[in-house]
Each structure stands twice: as C-alpha cells, then as structure tokens.
Amino acid sequence: MQNTLTKTLPVKEAIETRHSIRKYEPTMPKEDLLEILRLGSLAPTAFNAQPARFVVIENPELKEKVKAAAYGQTQITSAPYTIVVYSDMEDVMATVEETSHPLYGDEGKTRQRQTFEGSFGGLSVEQRAVWANTQANIVLGFLMLSARGLGYDTVPMLGFNPAQVKELLGLPEHVQIAALLPVGKAAEEGKSAHRHTVERITRFA
C-alpha cells in the first residue's frame, strides 16, 4: 500500500518525538490510517495467535456516544479516527487454522489446532481473554510507533466504560478492549517526555 506521506521518521526519532496528543487536525487520508493498521498487525504474538482486532470509529454521532462512554474526553471527537484495539481469543480458537503459516500446509494446520487446544482448551473464557489482551497490548505499541513514524500522533486511552463501548460497537461480551487510540495530525504541541533514567529502572543479573 502506498503511503501518501513523502517522509517517514526513523524508529529512534519516532520514539523520541512521540507525545500524547488530545487536540487534532480534523482530517487524515484513510490510506495512511490503513497503513498504520497494516503495520500494527505485523506485531509479534505468542503462538502467532494474532488475537488483536480493530474497530475504527469515524462516524461523528458514534464518536459523541463513545466520548460519553469515555467520561467526556474530547480527543475522541477531536481526532479524525479513533482505533478501538481489542482482543478476541474465542474467534482465534474458532479459526485457529488460519494462524498456521501456509508453508506448513495441512499438517501445520493440524498441529496448530492441537497446540491451541492443549494450551488454551482447558482455560476459561475469562482466562483466555486475559492472555489475549497481553498480546493486543504489543499491537497497541506497534500502532503508536507506526503512526508517529508516518508523521501522525496518538494518545492511548484506558479511561472508559468497557461495557458501554462494547455495546455501542456491537462487540461480544467476552472480548477485552486494550485501549482506545485517537489518531491524527496534532493541532497542539505535546508535553516533553519525563521518564526515569535507564539506570533507575534497570538491574543486570
């Protein structure tokens, strides 16, 4: 897919210039959004489970409803798009053969089914959902860096009512929402990063 932007940022610059943004320019080419989603979907997942799913909110009326479910946070309606990043491990279990690499053929599909039934078949729906959400959070990180690498900005949102958002989007009760992720061009400058030093948070053993 052709990126409509003429310049992309190196990974180091994308990381160092990423800030949480809450006010956005009103438009964004959908081609760039789709490229961000494509790059996010390349994130690694254990067993190649790929449980992350996306709903992209673009309808103004729906944005207002989701904003209300997010306690009135205006970045939902300010951004041209808000990506709802969620995980659906029950969908993975039902279609697990799709996650087997084509190089392995039918034998690989059989092994993949056996692996997933052995690893997750004995767990409850809730336990599987918790595991899948850890994988969706890896995807979330890829999405944020992909957006910044293409010159866009985001803000990861955890402050919302999950049950209300699921109802508004028609999502099954068993899924877990990792985050809401508004995305677009910043209409304001973000705060400079304030982080612990590597020495503060690292121990070699």
N, C-alpha and C. Protein backbone atom coordinates (compact mmCIF):
# COMPACT_ATOMS: atom_id res chain seq x y z
N MET A 1 0.85 -1.20 0.00
CA MET A 1 0.00 0.00 0.00
C MET A 1 0.88 1.24 0.00
N GLN A 2 0.61 2.19 -0.86
CA GLN A 2 1.43 3.39 -0.98
C GLN A 2 1.08 4.39 0.12
N ASN A 3 2.09 4.79 0.87
CA ASN A 3 1.91 5.82 1.88
C ASN A 3 1.77 7.17 1.20
N THR A 4 0.78 7.95 1.55
CA THR A 4 0.56 9.25 0.91
C THR A 4 1.53 10.30 1.41
N LEU A 5 2.29 10.00 2.48
CA LEU A 5 3.25 10.96 3.00
C LEU A 5 4.57 10.83 2.24
N THR A 6 5.30 11.91 2.15
CA THR A 6 6.56 11.92 1.41
C THR A 6 7.74 11.56 2.29
N LYS A 7 7.59 11.59 3.60
CA LYS A 7 8.69 11.33 4.50
C LYS A 7 8.22 10.51 5.69
N THR A 8 9.02 9.53 6.06
CA THR A 8 8.76 8.76 7.27
C THR A 8 9.92 8.97 8.24
N LEU A 9 9.64 8.78 9.52
CA LEU A 9 10.65 9.01 10.54
C LEU A 9 11.40 7.72 10.86
N PRO A 10 12.71 7.81 11.11
CA PRO A 10 13.42 6.64 11.63
C PRO A 10 12.81 6.21 12.97
N VAL A 11 12.99 4.95 13.31
CA VAL A 11 12.39 4.43 14.54
C VAL A 11 12.82 5.24 15.75
N LYS A 12 14.10 5.55 15.87
CA LYS A 12 14.59 6.30 17.01
C LYS A 12 13.90 7.65 17.13
N GLU A 13 13.76 8.36 16.01
CA GLU A 13 13.11 9.66 16.03
C GLU A 13 11.62 9.53 16.34
N ALA A 14 10.99 8.48 15.81
CA ALA A 14 9.57 8.26 16.09
C ALA A 14 9.34 8.05 17.58
N ILE A 15 10.23 7.28 18.22
CA ILE A 15 10.09 7.04 19.65
C ILE A 15 10.34 8.32 20.44
N GLU A 16 11.37 9.06 20.08
CA GLU A 16 11.75 10.23 20.86
C GLU A 16 10.79 11.41 20.67
N THR A 17 10.04 11.43 19.58
CA THR A 17 9.13 12.55 19.32
C THR A 17 7.68 12.20 19.56
N ARG A 18 7.42 10.97 20.02
CA ARG A 18 6.03 10.59 20.28
C ARG A 18 5.56 11.20 21.59
N HIS A 19 4.47 11.94 21.53
CA HIS A 19 3.84 12.51 22.72
C HIS A 19 2.34 12.24 22.66
N SER A 20 1.70 12.20 23.80
CA SER A 20 0.25 12.03 23.84
C SER A 20 -0.42 13.35 23.45
N ILE A 21 -1.28 13.29 22.44
CA ILE A 21 -1.93 14.47 21.88
C ILE A 21 -3.44 14.35 22.07
N ARG A 22 -4.07 15.46 22.46
CA ARG A 22 -5.51 15.44 22.72
C ARG A 22 -6.31 16.39 21.82
N LYS A 23 -5.62 17.18 20.99
CA LYS A 23 -6.29 18.04 20.01
C LYS A 23 -5.69 17.77 18.64
N TYR A 24 -6.56 17.53 17.65
CA TYR A 24 -6.11 17.07 16.34
C TYR A 24 -6.67 17.93 15.21
N GLU A 25 -5.94 17.91 14.09
CA GLU A 25 -6.49 18.45 12.86
C GLU A 25 -7.66 17.55 12.44
N PRO A 26 -8.66 18.11 11.75
CA PRO A 26 -9.90 17.35 11.54
C PRO A 26 -9.84 16.25 10.48
N THR A 27 -8.84 16.25 9.60
CA THR A 27 -8.83 15.27 8.52
C THR A 27 -7.52 14.50 8.48
N MET A 28 -7.61 13.34 7.84
CA MET A 28 -6.45 12.46 7.67
C MET A 28 -6.75 11.50 6.53
N PRO A 29 -5.85 11.32 5.57
CA PRO A 29 -6.11 10.38 4.47
C PRO A 29 -6.34 8.96 5.01
N LYS A 30 -7.40 8.33 4.55
CA LYS A 30 -7.68 6.98 5.02
C LYS A 30 -6.57 6.01 4.62
N GLU A 31 -5.89 6.30 3.50
CA GLU A 31 -4.79 5.43 3.08
C GLU A 31 -3.71 5.35 4.15
N ASP A 32 -3.45 6.48 4.81
CA ASP A 32 -2.43 6.49 5.85
C ASP A 32 -2.91 5.73 7.09
N LEU A 33 -4.18 5.87 7.41
CA LEU A 33 -4.74 5.10 8.52
C LEU A 33 -4.62 3.60 8.26
N LEU A 34 -4.95 3.19 7.05
CA LEU A 34 -4.87 1.77 6.71
C LEU A 34 -3.44 1.26 6.78
N GLU A 35 -2.48 2.11 6.42
CA GLU A 35 -1.08 1.71 6.51
C GLU A 35 -0.66 1.56 7.98
N ILE A 36 -1.15 2.43 8.83
CA ILE A 36 -0.86 2.31 10.26
C ILE A 36 -1.44 0.99 10.80
N LEU A 37 -2.64 0.66 10.40
CA LEU A 37 -3.25 -0.60 10.83
C LEU A 37 -2.48 -1.79 10.30
N ARG A 38 -2.02 -1.71 9.05
CA ARG A 38 -1.24 -2.81 8.47
C ARG A 38 0.05 -3.02 9.24
N LEU A 39 0.74 -1.93 9.54
CA LEU A 39 1.99 -2.04 10.29
C LEU A 39 1.75 -2.57 11.70
N GLY A 40 0.67 -2.11 12.32
CA GLY A 40 0.33 -2.61 13.65
C GLY A 40 0.06 -4.10 13.65
N SER A 41 -0.57 -4.58 12.59
CA SER A 41 -0.92 -6.00 12.51
C SER A 41 0.30 -6.89 12.33
N LEU A 42 1.47 -6.29 12.05
CA LEU A 42 2.71 -7.07 11.91
C LEU A 42 3.38 -7.35 13.25
N ALA A 43 2.81 -6.85 14.34
CA ALA A 43 3.38 -7.09 15.66
C ALA A 43 3.43 -8.59 15.96
N PRO A 44 4.45 -9.04 16.67
CA PRO A 44 4.54 -10.46 17.01
C PRO A 44 3.54 -10.84 18.10
N THR A 45 3.09 -12.07 18.06
CA THR A 45 2.24 -12.60 19.13
C THR A 45 2.66 -14.03 19.41
N ALA A 46 2.54 -14.44 20.66
CA ALA A 46 2.89 -15.80 21.04
C ALA A 46 2.03 -16.80 20.27
N PHE A 47 2.63 -17.89 19.82
CA PHE A 47 1.97 -18.92 19.03
C PHE A 47 1.45 -18.37 17.68
N ASN A 48 1.83 -17.14 17.34
CA ASN A 48 1.26 -16.44 16.18
C ASN A 48 -0.27 -16.38 16.30
N ALA A 49 -0.76 -16.21 17.52
CA ALA A 49 -2.20 -16.26 17.77
C ALA A 49 -2.96 -15.11 17.10
N GLN A 50 -2.35 -13.95 17.04
CA GLN A 50 -2.96 -12.77 16.40
C GLN A 50 -4.39 -12.48 16.91
N PRO A 51 -4.57 -12.31 18.22
CA PRO A 51 -5.92 -12.09 18.73
C PRO A 51 -6.40 -10.65 18.64
N ALA A 52 -5.54 -9.72 18.27
CA ALA A 52 -5.94 -8.31 18.24
C ALA A 52 -6.89 -8.04 17.08
N ARG A 53 -7.88 -7.20 17.35
CA ARG A 53 -8.85 -6.78 16.35
C ARG A 53 -9.02 -5.27 16.47
N PHE A 54 -9.50 -4.64 15.40
CA PHE A 54 -9.67 -3.19 15.37
C PHE A 54 -11.09 -2.81 14.97
N VAL A 55 -11.61 -1.80 15.63
CA VAL A 55 -12.78 -1.07 15.13
C VAL A 55 -12.33 0.38 14.99
N VAL A 56 -12.52 0.95 13.81
CA VAL A 56 -12.15 2.35 13.58
C VAL A 56 -13.41 3.20 13.62
N ILE A 57 -13.45 4.11 14.58
CA ILE A 57 -14.62 4.99 14.74
C ILE A 57 -14.38 6.26 13.93
N GLU A 58 -15.27 6.51 12.97
CA GLU A 58 -15.18 7.72 12.15
C GLU A 58 -16.50 8.47 12.08
N ASN A 59 -17.60 7.81 12.39
CA ASN A 59 -18.92 8.44 12.35
C ASN A 59 -19.06 9.47 13.47
N PRO A 60 -19.39 10.73 13.14
CA PRO A 60 -19.46 11.78 14.18
C PRO A 60 -20.44 11.48 15.30
N GLU A 61 -21.59 10.92 14.97
CA GLU A 61 -22.58 10.62 16.01
C GLU A 61 -22.07 9.53 16.95
N LEU A 62 -21.42 8.52 16.36
CA LEU A 62 -20.87 7.44 17.19
C LEU A 62 -19.72 7.97 18.04
N LYS A 63 -18.93 8.87 17.48
CA LYS A 63 -17.85 9.48 18.28
C LYS A 63 -18.40 10.14 19.54
N GLU A 64 -19.50 10.86 19.39
CA GLU A 64 -20.10 11.54 20.54
C GLU A 64 -20.53 10.53 21.60
N LYS A 65 -21.09 9.42 21.17
CA LYS A 65 -21.53 8.40 22.12
C LYS A 65 -20.35 7.73 22.82
N VAL A 66 -19.31 7.47 22.04
CA VAL A 66 -18.12 6.86 22.65
C VAL A 66 -17.43 7.86 23.58
N LYS A 67 -17.44 9.13 23.21
CA LYS A 67 -16.88 10.16 24.10
C LYS A 67 -17.60 10.14 25.44
N ALA A 68 -18.92 10.00 25.42
CA ALA A 68 -19.67 9.94 26.67
C ALA A 68 -19.27 8.70 27.48
N ALA A 69 -19.03 7.58 26.78
CA ALA A 69 -18.59 6.36 27.47
C ALA A 69 -17.16 6.48 27.97
N ALA A 70 -16.43 7.47 27.44
CA ALA A 70 -15.05 7.73 27.88
C ALA A 70 -15.01 8.94 28.80
N TYR A 71 -16.11 9.17 29.50
CA TYR A 71 -16.20 10.21 30.53
C TYR A 71 -15.94 11.61 29.98
N GLY A 72 -16.38 11.82 28.72
CA GLY A 72 -16.34 13.16 28.14
C GLY A 72 -14.99 13.59 27.60
N GLN A 73 -14.05 12.69 27.44
CA GLN A 73 -12.72 13.06 26.95
C GLN A 73 -12.81 13.47 25.47
N THR A 74 -12.42 14.69 25.20
CA THR A 74 -12.71 15.30 23.89
C THR A 74 -11.80 14.82 22.77
N GLN A 75 -10.72 14.12 23.08
CA GLN A 75 -9.88 13.63 21.99
C GLN A 75 -10.62 12.65 21.09
N ILE A 76 -11.66 12.02 21.61
CA ILE A 76 -12.46 11.10 20.81
C ILE A 76 -13.11 11.83 19.63
N THR A 77 -13.67 12.99 19.89
CA THR A 77 -14.34 13.75 18.82
C THR A 77 -13.38 14.67 18.08
N SER A 78 -12.22 14.98 18.67
CA SER A 78 -11.25 15.84 18.00
C SER A 78 -10.50 15.10 16.90
N ALA A 79 -10.12 13.86 17.15
CA ALA A 79 -9.33 13.10 16.18
C ALA A 79 -10.20 12.66 15.01
N PRO A 80 -9.63 12.61 13.81
CA PRO A 80 -10.40 12.14 12.65
C PRO A 80 -10.81 10.67 12.79
N TYR A 81 -9.98 9.88 13.46
CA TYR A 81 -10.29 8.47 13.68
C TYR A 81 -9.90 8.09 15.12
N THR A 82 -10.65 7.16 15.68
CA THR A 82 -10.25 6.53 16.94
C THR A 82 -10.26 5.03 16.71
N ILE A 83 -9.11 4.41 16.93
CA ILE A 83 -8.98 2.97 16.77
C ILE A 83 -9.29 2.30 18.11
N VAL A 84 -10.25 1.42 18.10
CA VAL A 84 -10.53 0.60 19.28
C VAL A 84 -9.74 -0.69 19.11
N VAL A 85 -8.75 -0.88 19.97
CA VAL A 85 -7.90 -2.07 19.92
C VAL A 85 -8.43 -3.07 20.93
N TYR A 86 -8.88 -4.21 20.46
CA TYR A 86 -9.40 -5.22 21.37
C TYR A 86 -8.90 -6.60 20.98
N SER A 87 -9.10 -7.57 21.85
CA SER A 87 -8.68 -8.94 21.58
C SER A 87 -9.89 -9.86 21.65
N ASP A 88 -9.88 -10.87 20.78
CA ASP A 88 -10.98 -11.83 20.73
C ASP A 88 -10.39 -13.24 20.63
N MET A 89 -10.10 -13.82 21.76
CA MET A 89 -9.48 -15.14 21.78
C MET A 89 -10.46 -16.23 21.37
N GLU A 90 -11.75 -16.00 21.55
CA GLU A 90 -12.72 -17.00 21.14
C GLU A 90 -12.78 -17.11 19.62
N ASP A 91 -12.60 -15.98 18.93
CA ASP A 91 -12.50 -16.02 17.48
C ASP A 91 -11.24 -16.76 17.04
N VAL A 92 -10.15 -16.53 17.77
CA VAL A 92 -8.91 -17.25 17.48
C VAL A 92 -9.12 -18.75 17.61
N MET A 93 -9.76 -19.17 18.69
CA MET A 93 -9.97 -20.61 18.93
C MET A 93 -10.85 -21.23 17.86
N ALA A 94 -11.81 -20.45 17.35
CA ALA A 94 -12.73 -20.99 16.35
C ALA A 94 -12.08 -21.09 14.97
N THR A 95 -11.07 -20.27 14.73
CA THR A 95 -10.46 -20.19 13.38
C THR A 95 -8.96 -20.39 13.45
N VAL A 96 -8.48 -21.17 14.40
CA VAL A 96 -7.05 -21.24 14.71
C VAL A 96 -6.22 -21.70 13.51
N GLU A 97 -6.79 -22.48 12.63
CA GLU A 97 -6.03 -22.94 11.47
C GLU A 97 -5.54 -21.79 10.59
N GLU A 98 -6.25 -20.66 10.64
CA GLU A 98 -5.86 -19.50 9.84
C GLU A 98 -4.52 -18.91 10.29
N THR A 99 -4.10 -19.22 11.51
CA THR A 99 -2.84 -18.65 12.03
C THR A 99 -1.65 -19.55 11.75
N SER A 100 -1.86 -20.69 11.13
CA SER A 100 -0.76 -21.57 10.76
C SER A 100 -0.14 -21.06 9.47
N HIS A 101 1.19 -21.00 9.42
CA HIS A 101 1.87 -20.48 8.23
C HIS A 101 1.57 -21.38 7.02
N PRO A 102 1.27 -20.78 5.86
CA PRO A 102 0.96 -21.57 4.66
C PRO A 102 2.06 -22.55 4.28
N LEU A 103 3.31 -22.25 4.64
CA LEU A 103 4.42 -23.15 4.30
C LEU A 103 4.25 -24.53 4.91
N TYR A 104 3.49 -24.62 6.02
CA TYR A 104 3.35 -25.89 6.72
C TYR A 104 2.18 -26.73 6.23
N GLY A 105 1.37 -26.19 5.33
CA GLY A 105 0.29 -26.95 4.73
C GLY A 105 -0.73 -27.46 5.72
N ASP A 106 -1.41 -28.54 5.34
CA ASP A 106 -2.47 -29.11 6.18
C ASP A 106 -1.92 -29.68 7.48
N GLU A 107 -0.70 -30.22 7.42
CA GLU A 107 -0.10 -30.75 8.64
C GLU A 107 0.11 -29.64 9.66
N GLY A 108 0.52 -28.48 9.19
CA GLY A 108 0.71 -27.35 10.09
C GLY A 108 -0.59 -26.89 10.72
N LYS A 109 -1.66 -26.91 9.95
CA LYS A 109 -2.97 -26.53 10.49
C LYS A 109 -3.39 -27.48 11.60
N THR A 110 -3.14 -28.77 11.38
CA THR A 110 -3.49 -29.77 12.40
C THR A 110 -2.68 -29.55 13.66
N ARG A 111 -1.38 -29.28 13.50
CA ARG A 111 -0.53 -29.04 14.67
C ARG A 111 -0.96 -27.77 15.41
N GLN A 112 -1.33 -26.76 14.64
CA GLN A 112 -1.75 -25.51 15.27
C GLN A 112 -3.01 -25.72 16.11
N ARG A 113 -3.95 -26.48 15.58
CA ARG A 113 -5.17 -26.79 16.33
C ARG A 113 -4.82 -27.55 17.60
N GLN A 114 -3.95 -28.52 17.50
CA GLN A 114 -3.58 -29.32 18.67
C GLN A 114 -2.86 -28.46 19.72
N THR A 115 -1.99 -27.57 19.26
CA THR A 115 -1.26 -26.70 20.17
C THR A 115 -2.21 -25.80 20.95
N PHE A 116 -3.16 -25.19 20.25
CA PHE A 116 -4.07 -24.26 20.90
C PHE A 116 -5.05 -24.98 21.82
N GLU A 117 -5.51 -26.14 21.40
CA GLU A 117 -6.42 -26.89 22.27
C GLU A 117 -5.69 -27.34 23.53
N GLY A 118 -4.42 -27.73 23.37
CA GLY A 118 -3.65 -28.16 24.52
C GLY A 118 -3.29 -27.01 25.45
N SER A 119 -3.01 -25.83 24.89
CA SER A 119 -2.58 -24.70 25.70
C SER A 119 -3.73 -23.91 26.29
N PHE A 120 -4.83 -23.82 25.56
CA PHE A 120 -5.91 -22.92 25.97
C PHE A 120 -7.26 -23.60 26.16
N GLY A 121 -7.38 -24.83 25.67
CA GLY A 121 -8.67 -25.51 25.73
C GLY A 121 -9.18 -25.71 27.15
N GLY A 122 -8.25 -25.88 28.09
CA GLY A 122 -8.65 -26.12 29.48
C GLY A 122 -8.87 -24.85 30.28
N LEU A 123 -8.63 -23.70 29.68
CA LEU A 123 -8.81 -22.43 30.38
C LEU A 123 -10.24 -21.93 30.21
N SER A 124 -10.65 -21.08 31.13
CA SER A 124 -11.96 -20.45 31.00
C SER A 124 -11.91 -19.37 29.93
N VAL A 125 -13.06 -18.92 29.48
CA VAL A 125 -13.13 -17.82 28.51
C VAL A 125 -12.43 -16.59 29.09
N GLU A 126 -12.65 -16.35 30.37
CA GLU A 126 -12.05 -15.17 31.01
C GLU A 126 -10.53 -15.28 31.06
N GLN A 127 -10.01 -16.47 31.35
CA GLN A 127 -8.56 -16.66 31.39
C GLN A 127 -7.94 -16.49 30.01
N ARG A 128 -8.60 -17.02 29.01
CA ARG A 128 -8.10 -16.84 27.64
C ARG A 128 -8.11 -15.37 27.24
N ALA A 129 -9.14 -14.66 27.68
CA ALA A 129 -9.25 -13.24 27.33
C ALA A 129 -8.12 -12.43 27.94
N VAL A 130 -7.76 -12.73 29.18
CA VAL A 130 -6.67 -12.01 29.83
C VAL A 130 -5.37 -12.24 29.08
N TRP A 131 -5.11 -13.48 28.71
CA TRP A 131 -3.89 -13.79 27.96
C TRP A 131 -3.87 -13.05 26.62
N ALA A 132 -5.00 -13.09 25.92
CA ALA A 132 -5.06 -12.44 24.60
C ALA A 132 -4.85 -10.94 24.70
N ASN A 133 -5.30 -10.34 25.79
CA ASN A 133 -5.15 -8.89 25.92
C ASN A 133 -3.69 -8.50 26.09
N THR A 134 -2.87 -9.37 26.68
CA THR A 134 -1.44 -9.07 26.76
C THR A 134 -0.83 -9.00 25.37
N GLN A 135 -1.33 -9.81 24.47
CA GLN A 135 -0.84 -9.80 23.09
C GLN A 135 -1.33 -8.56 22.34
N ALA A 136 -2.57 -8.15 22.61
CA ALA A 136 -3.11 -6.95 21.97
C ALA A 136 -2.35 -5.70 22.38
N ASN A 137 -1.79 -5.71 23.59
CA ASN A 137 -1.03 -4.56 24.04
C ASN A 137 0.29 -4.41 23.28
N ILE A 138 0.85 -5.51 22.80
CA ILE A 138 2.02 -5.42 21.93
C ILE A 138 1.63 -4.72 20.63
N VAL A 139 0.49 -5.09 20.10
CA VAL A 139 -0.02 -4.46 18.87
C VAL A 139 -0.25 -2.98 19.10
N LEU A 140 -0.79 -2.62 20.25
CA LEU A 140 -1.03 -1.22 20.58
C LEU A 140 0.26 -0.41 20.48
N GLY A 141 1.35 -0.95 21.03
CA GLY A 141 2.62 -0.26 20.94
C GLY A 141 3.08 -0.08 19.50
N PHE A 142 2.91 -1.12 18.70
CA PHE A 142 3.28 -1.02 17.28
C PHE A 142 2.45 0.05 16.58
N LEU A 143 1.17 0.13 16.90
CA LEU A 143 0.30 1.13 16.27
C LEU A 143 0.78 2.54 16.57
N MET A 144 1.12 2.80 17.82
CA MET A 144 1.54 4.14 18.20
C MET A 144 2.84 4.54 17.50
N LEU A 145 3.79 3.62 17.42
CA LEU A 145 5.05 3.94 16.76
C LEU A 145 4.87 4.02 15.24
N SER A 146 3.99 3.18 14.69
CA SER A 146 3.71 3.26 13.26
C SER A 146 3.09 4.61 12.90
N ALA A 147 2.15 5.06 13.73
CA ALA A 147 1.52 6.35 13.48
C ALA A 147 2.55 7.47 13.53
N ARG A 148 3.37 7.46 14.56
CA ARG A 148 4.37 8.52 14.68
C ARG A 148 5.39 8.45 13.55
N GLY A 149 5.74 7.25 13.14
CA GLY A 149 6.69 7.09 12.04
C GLY A 149 6.18 7.65 10.73
N LEU A 150 4.87 7.69 10.58
CA LEU A 150 4.26 8.27 9.38
C LEU A 150 3.86 9.72 9.58
N GLY A 151 4.27 10.30 10.71
CA GLY A 151 4.03 11.71 10.93
C GLY A 151 2.74 12.04 11.64
N TYR A 152 2.09 11.04 12.23
CA TYR A 152 0.84 11.25 12.94
C TYR A 152 1.03 11.09 14.45
N ASP A 153 -0.01 11.41 15.18
CA ASP A 153 0.06 11.41 16.64
C ASP A 153 -1.10 10.62 17.22
N THR A 154 -0.93 10.21 18.46
CA THR A 154 -1.92 9.38 19.13
C THR A 154 -1.96 9.71 20.61
N VAL A 155 -2.92 9.12 21.30
CA VAL A 155 -2.94 9.12 22.76
C VAL A 155 -3.65 7.84 23.20
N PRO A 156 -2.95 6.95 23.91
CA PRO A 156 -3.61 5.72 24.36
C PRO A 156 -4.56 6.02 25.52
N MET A 157 -5.78 5.54 25.41
CA MET A 157 -6.82 5.84 26.40
C MET A 157 -7.28 4.56 27.10
N LEU A 158 -7.20 4.58 28.42
CA LEU A 158 -7.72 3.48 29.23
C LEU A 158 -8.90 3.92 30.07
N GLY A 159 -9.22 5.21 30.05
CA GLY A 159 -10.33 5.73 30.84
C GLY A 159 -11.64 5.70 30.07
N PHE A 160 -12.35 4.59 30.17
CA PHE A 160 -13.64 4.45 29.51
C PHE A 160 -14.40 3.31 30.16
N ASN A 161 -15.68 3.24 29.90
CA ASN A 161 -16.52 2.16 30.41
C ASN A 161 -16.54 1.03 29.37
N PRO A 162 -15.83 -0.07 29.60
CA PRO A 162 -15.74 -1.12 28.59
C PRO A 162 -17.08 -1.68 28.16
N ALA A 163 -17.98 -1.89 29.11
CA ALA A 163 -19.28 -2.46 28.76
C ALA A 163 -20.05 -1.54 27.83
N GLN A 164 -20.01 -0.23 28.09
CA GLN A 164 -20.71 0.72 27.22
C GLN A 164 -20.09 0.77 25.83
N VAL A 165 -18.76 0.76 25.76
CA VAL A 165 -18.11 0.80 24.45
C VAL A 165 -18.43 -0.47 23.66
N LYS A 166 -18.40 -1.62 24.31
CA LYS A 166 -18.75 -2.87 23.63
C LYS A 166 -20.17 -2.81 23.08
N GLU A 167 -21.09 -2.29 23.89
CA GLU A 167 -22.48 -2.20 23.45
C GLU A 167 -22.63 -1.26 22.26
N LEU A 168 -21.95 -0.13 22.30
CA LEU A 168 -22.03 0.84 21.20
C LEU A 168 -21.48 0.27 19.90
N LEU A 169 -20.46 -0.58 20.01
CA LEU A 169 -19.80 -1.11 18.82
C LEU A 169 -20.29 -2.50 18.43
N GLY A 170 -21.20 -3.05 19.22
CA GLY A 170 -21.71 -4.38 18.91
C GLY A 170 -20.68 -5.47 19.10
N LEU A 171 -19.80 -5.31 20.08
CA LEU A 171 -18.76 -6.30 20.34
C LEU A 171 -19.26 -7.34 21.34
N PRO A 172 -18.81 -8.59 21.20
CA PRO A 172 -19.21 -9.62 22.16
C PRO A 172 -18.73 -9.30 23.57
N GLU A 173 -19.44 -9.80 24.54
CA GLU A 173 -19.11 -9.53 25.93
C GLU A 173 -17.74 -10.10 26.29
N HIS A 174 -17.33 -11.21 25.66
CA HIS A 174 -16.10 -11.89 26.08
C HIS A 174 -14.83 -11.17 25.64
N VAL A 175 -14.90 -10.23 24.71
CA VAL A 175 -13.67 -9.57 24.24
C VAL A 175 -13.16 -8.61 25.31
N GLN A 176 -11.87 -8.31 25.23
CA GLN A 176 -11.27 -7.31 26.11
C GLN A 176 -10.73 -6.17 25.26
N ILE A 177 -11.00 -4.94 25.68
CA ILE A 177 -10.52 -3.77 24.97
C ILE A 177 -9.20 -3.34 25.60
N ALA A 178 -8.14 -3.35 24.79
CA ALA A 178 -6.82 -2.95 25.29
C ALA A 178 -6.75 -1.44 25.47
N ALA A 179 -7.31 -0.69 24.52
CA ALA A 179 -7.26 0.77 24.61
C ALA A 179 -8.09 1.38 23.49
N LEU A 180 -8.48 2.63 23.69
CA LEU A 180 -8.96 3.47 22.60
C LEU A 180 -7.78 4.32 22.16
N LEU A 181 -7.60 4.47 20.83
CA LEU A 181 -6.42 5.15 20.33
C LEU A 181 -6.81 6.19 19.28
N PRO A 182 -7.11 7.43 19.70
CA PRO A 182 -7.30 8.51 18.73
C PRO A 182 -6.02 8.71 17.92
N VAL A 183 -6.19 9.01 16.62
CA VAL A 183 -5.04 9.18 15.75
C VAL A 183 -5.31 10.30 14.75
N GLY A 184 -4.28 11.09 14.47
CA GLY A 184 -4.40 12.18 13.50
C GLY A 184 -3.20 13.09 13.60
N LYS A 185 -3.27 14.23 12.90
CA LYS A 185 -2.21 15.23 12.98
C LYS A 185 -2.45 16.13 14.20
N ALA A 186 -1.42 16.34 14.98
CA ALA A 186 -1.55 17.15 16.18
C ALA A 186 -1.92 18.59 15.85
N ALA A 187 -2.87 19.13 16.61
CA ALA A 187 -3.23 20.54 16.49
C ALA A 187 -2.67 21.33 17.65
N GLU A 188 -1.84 20.69 18.46
CA GLU A 188 -1.17 21.33 19.59
C GLU A 188 0.12 20.57 19.84
N GLU A 189 1.04 21.19 20.52
CA GLU A 189 2.28 20.51 20.87
C GLU A 189 2.08 19.69 22.14
N GLY A 190 2.63 18.50 22.13
CA GLY A 190 2.57 17.67 23.32
C GLY A 190 3.64 18.05 24.32
N LYS A 191 3.46 17.61 25.55
CA LYS A 191 4.45 17.86 26.58
C LYS A 191 5.71 17.03 26.31
N SER A 192 6.85 17.59 26.67
CA SER A 192 8.09 16.83 26.54
C SER A 192 8.04 15.64 27.50
N ALA A 193 8.72 14.57 27.11
CA ALA A 193 8.68 13.35 27.91
C ALA A 193 9.43 13.53 29.22
N HIS A 194 8.89 12.97 30.29
CA HIS A 194 9.58 12.94 31.59
C HIS A 194 9.59 11.49 32.03
N ARG A 195 10.74 10.85 31.91
CA ARG A 195 10.85 9.42 32.17
C ARG A 195 12.01 9.14 33.13
N HIS A 196 11.94 8.00 33.81
CA HIS A 196 13.06 7.53 34.61
C HIS A 196 14.28 7.30 33.72
N THR A 197 15.45 7.40 34.28
CA THR A 197 16.66 7.04 33.56
C THR A 197 16.73 5.51 33.44
N VAL A 198 17.51 5.06 32.48
CA VAL A 198 17.71 3.61 32.33
C VAL A 198 18.31 3.04 33.62
N GLU A 199 19.23 3.78 34.23
CA GLU A 199 19.86 3.31 35.46
C GLU A 199 18.84 3.12 36.58
N ARG A 200 17.81 3.96 36.61
CA ARG A 200 16.78 3.90 37.66
C ARG A 200 15.93 2.64 37.54
N ILE A 201 15.72 2.17 36.34
CA ILE A 201 14.75 1.08 36.14
C ILE A 201 15.39 -0.25 35.71
N THR A 202 16.72 -0.29 35.64
CA THR A 202 17.39 -1.48 35.11
C THR A 202 18.31 -2.11 36.15
N ARG A 203 18.29 -3.41 36.18
CA ARG A 203 19.24 -4.17 37.00
C ARG A 203 19.77 -5.32 36.17
N PHE A 204 21.07 -5.51 36.14
CA PHE A 204 21.69 -6.62 35.44
C PHE A 204 21.90 -7.78 36.42
N ALA A 205 21.57 -8.97 36.00
CA ALA A 205 21.68 -10.13 36.89
C ALA A 205 22.50 -11.23 36.23
